[in-house]
Amino acid sequence: MVKVSELVSEDQALERVQKIRDLLTKGADFEETARKFSEDDATANLGGDMGWAPDGSFGARVSQVIGSLKDGDVSEPFRTELGWHVLKREGSRDVDRSVDARRAQARETLVNRKAEEEYDSFLRQLKGEAYIENRLSAS
């Protein structure tokens, strides 16, 4: 990724990312190139590795580009709100997430139940500590 900023114009960023892509298509190692040139704080130190992520987790434009690539392909430069990017698709996998989804749903149910119990306990404590004094005026 190359960011567009006050110091780097749109055209300069595009030119930089195009040069990076040219290096990659000539056989440069993606990991080394990303460490050297990427301005993405989250992935630069990881050699550009975005990890395994569900479709859509990096935004619609990134998902669209990744979906159009085959394993091992390097994308053309493309723009997002973060800057100009070049991606390399390493691979894809299909995972059955039904067990994880059920586990997450059960965890959420337990957390909600515990929160309700704590809220009820807090209300009982407030009611128990409340002191009301009625004073009738002597008229």
Protein backbone atom coordinates (compact mmCIF):
# COMPACT_ATOMS: atom_id res chain seq x y z
CA MET A 1 0.00 0.00 0.00
CA VAL A 2 1.10 3.53 -0.78
CA LYS A 3 -0.78 6.27 1.04
CA VAL A 4 -1.89 9.51 -0.56
CA SER A 5 -1.11 12.47 1.68
CA GLU A 6 -0.24 16.15 1.66
CA LEU A 7 3.31 15.19 0.67
CA VAL A 8 2.42 12.42 -1.80
CA SER A 9 -0.02 13.29 -4.56
CA GLU A 10 -2.44 10.86 -6.17
CA ASP A 11 -0.23 10.59 -9.26
CA GLN A 12 2.96 10.08 -7.25
CA ALA A 13 1.33 7.32 -5.19
CA LEU A 14 0.06 5.58 -8.32
CA GLU A 15 3.52 5.83 -9.91
CA ARG A 16 5.13 4.30 -6.79
CA VAL A 17 2.68 1.42 -6.59
CA GLN A 18 3.08 0.74 -10.32
CA LYS A 19 6.86 0.49 -9.84
CA ILE A 20 6.29 -1.91 -6.94
CA ARG A 21 4.01 -4.04 -9.13
CA ASP A 22 6.65 -4.05 -11.90
CA LEU A 23 9.21 -5.38 -9.40
CA LEU A 24 6.80 -8.13 -8.35
CA THR A 25 5.99 -9.20 -11.91
CA LYS A 26 9.74 -9.41 -12.62
CA GLY A 27 10.13 -11.95 -9.83
CA ALA A 28 10.81 -9.89 -6.70
CA ASP A 29 9.76 -11.57 -3.46
CA PHE A 30 6.40 -10.17 -2.33
CA GLU A 31 7.25 -10.44 1.37
CA GLU A 32 10.54 -8.55 1.07
CA THR A 33 9.00 -5.96 -1.22
CA ALA A 34 6.10 -5.36 1.18
CA ARG A 35 8.47 -4.97 4.14
CA LYS A 36 10.52 -2.44 2.19
CA PHE A 37 7.84 -0.34 0.46
CA SER A 38 4.44 -0.86 2.13
CA GLU A 39 2.99 2.00 4.15
CA ASP A 40 0.33 -0.24 5.73
CA ASP A 41 1.04 -0.19 9.46
CA ALA A 42 -0.89 -3.42 10.06
CA THR A 43 0.77 -5.65 7.46
CA ALA A 44 4.11 -4.11 6.41
CA ASN A 45 6.11 -5.83 9.16
CA LEU A 46 4.38 -9.10 8.32
CA GLY A 47 5.59 -8.95 4.73
CA GLY A 48 2.17 -7.85 3.53
CA ASP A 49 0.47 -10.94 4.94
CA MET A 50 -3.20 -10.15 5.56
CA GLY A 51 -3.85 -13.61 6.97
CA TRP A 52 -6.91 -15.77 6.41
CA ALA A 53 -9.98 -13.62 6.59
CA PRO A 54 -13.64 -14.00 5.67
CA ASP A 55 -14.75 -12.46 2.39
CA GLY A 56 -15.55 -8.78 2.83
CA SER A 57 -13.50 -8.19 5.98
CA PHE A 58 -11.16 -5.75 4.19
CA GLY A 59 -13.87 -3.89 2.31
CA ALA A 60 -15.78 -4.39 -0.89
CA ARG A 61 -13.06 -3.18 -3.25
CA VAL A 62 -10.36 -5.45 -1.78
CA SER A 63 -12.77 -8.42 -1.87
CA GLN A 64 -13.59 -7.67 -5.49
CA VAL A 65 -9.91 -7.59 -6.47
CA ILE A 66 -9.04 -10.74 -4.50
CA GLY A 67 -12.02 -12.52 -6.06
CA SER A 68 -10.82 -11.66 -9.56
CA LEU A 69 -7.34 -13.14 -8.98
CA LYS A 70 -6.18 -16.73 -9.25
CA ASP A 71 -3.75 -18.19 -6.72
CA GLY A 72 -0.30 -16.69 -7.32
CA ASP A 73 -1.57 -13.71 -9.36
CA VAL A 74 -0.53 -10.12 -8.62
CA SER A 75 -3.25 -7.51 -9.02
CA GLU A 76 -3.14 -4.33 -11.01
CA PRO A 77 -2.84 -1.24 -8.80
CA PHE A 78 -6.19 -0.20 -7.35
CA ARG A 79 -7.40 2.59 -5.11
CA THR A 80 -9.26 2.43 -1.79
CA GLU A 81 -9.92 5.12 0.80
CA LEU A 82 -6.60 4.13 2.45
CA GLY A 83 -4.41 4.56 -0.64
CA TRP A 84 -3.11 2.60 -3.65
CA HIS A 85 -2.66 -1.16 -3.32
CA VAL A 86 -1.17 -4.15 -5.05
CA LEU A 87 -2.27 -7.58 -3.84
CA LYS A 88 -0.97 -11.07 -4.41
CA ARG A 89 -3.38 -13.90 -3.85
CA GLU A 90 -1.58 -16.78 -2.18
CA GLY A 91 -4.52 -19.13 -1.86
CA SER A 92 -8.04 -19.69 -0.66
CA ARG A 93 -9.76 -22.17 1.57
CA ASP A 94 -13.25 -23.31 2.40
CA VAL A 95 -13.95 -23.74 6.08
CA ASP A 96 -17.07 -25.00 7.82
CA ARG A 97 -17.80 -22.24 10.32
CA SER A 98 -21.03 -23.75 11.69
CA VAL A 99 -19.35 -25.02 14.89
CA ASP A 100 -17.67 -21.65 15.45
CA ALA A 101 -20.95 -19.85 14.80
CA ARG A 102 -22.83 -22.02 17.32
CA ARG A 103 -20.06 -21.53 19.88
CA ALA A 104 -20.15 -17.73 19.37
CA GLN A 105 -23.94 -17.72 19.68
CA ALA A 106 -23.78 -19.74 22.92
CA ARG A 107 -21.11 -17.39 24.30
CA GLU A 108 -23.24 -14.36 23.44
CA THR A 109 -26.30 -15.93 25.10
CA LEU A 110 -24.32 -16.62 28.29
CA VAL A 111 -22.85 -13.12 28.35
CA ASN A 112 -26.31 -11.57 27.88
CA ARG A 113 -27.78 -13.77 30.62
CA LYS A 114 -24.96 -12.88 33.02
CA ALA A 115 -25.40 -9.17 32.20
CA GLU A 116 -29.12 -9.38 32.98
CA GLU A 117 -28.39 -11.13 36.30
CA GLU A 118 -25.84 -8.46 37.24
CA TYR A 119 -28.27 -5.69 36.31
CA ASP A 120 -31.04 -7.24 38.44
CA SER A 121 -28.59 -7.66 41.33
CA PHE A 122 -27.53 -4.03 41.01
CA LEU A 123 -31.17 -2.86 41.10
CA ARG A 124 -31.88 -4.98 44.21
CA GLN A 125 -28.79 -3.50 45.87
CA LEU A 126 -29.91 0.05 45.04
CA LYS A 127 -33.41 -0.63 46.41
CA GLY A 128 -31.93 -2.16 49.57
CA GLU A 129 -29.70 0.84 50.18
CA ALA A 130 -32.36 3.43 49.42
CA TYR A 131 -33.63 5.41 52.36
CA ILE A 132 -36.79 7.41 52.08
CA GLU A 133 -37.96 9.67 54.85
CA ASN A 134 -41.45 11.10 54.72
CA ARG A 135 -41.94 14.26 56.71
CA LEU A 136 -45.37 15.58 57.09
CA SER A 137 -45.60 19.25 57.68
CA ALA A 138 -47.46 20.34 60.78
CA SER A 139 -50.02 22.73 59.39
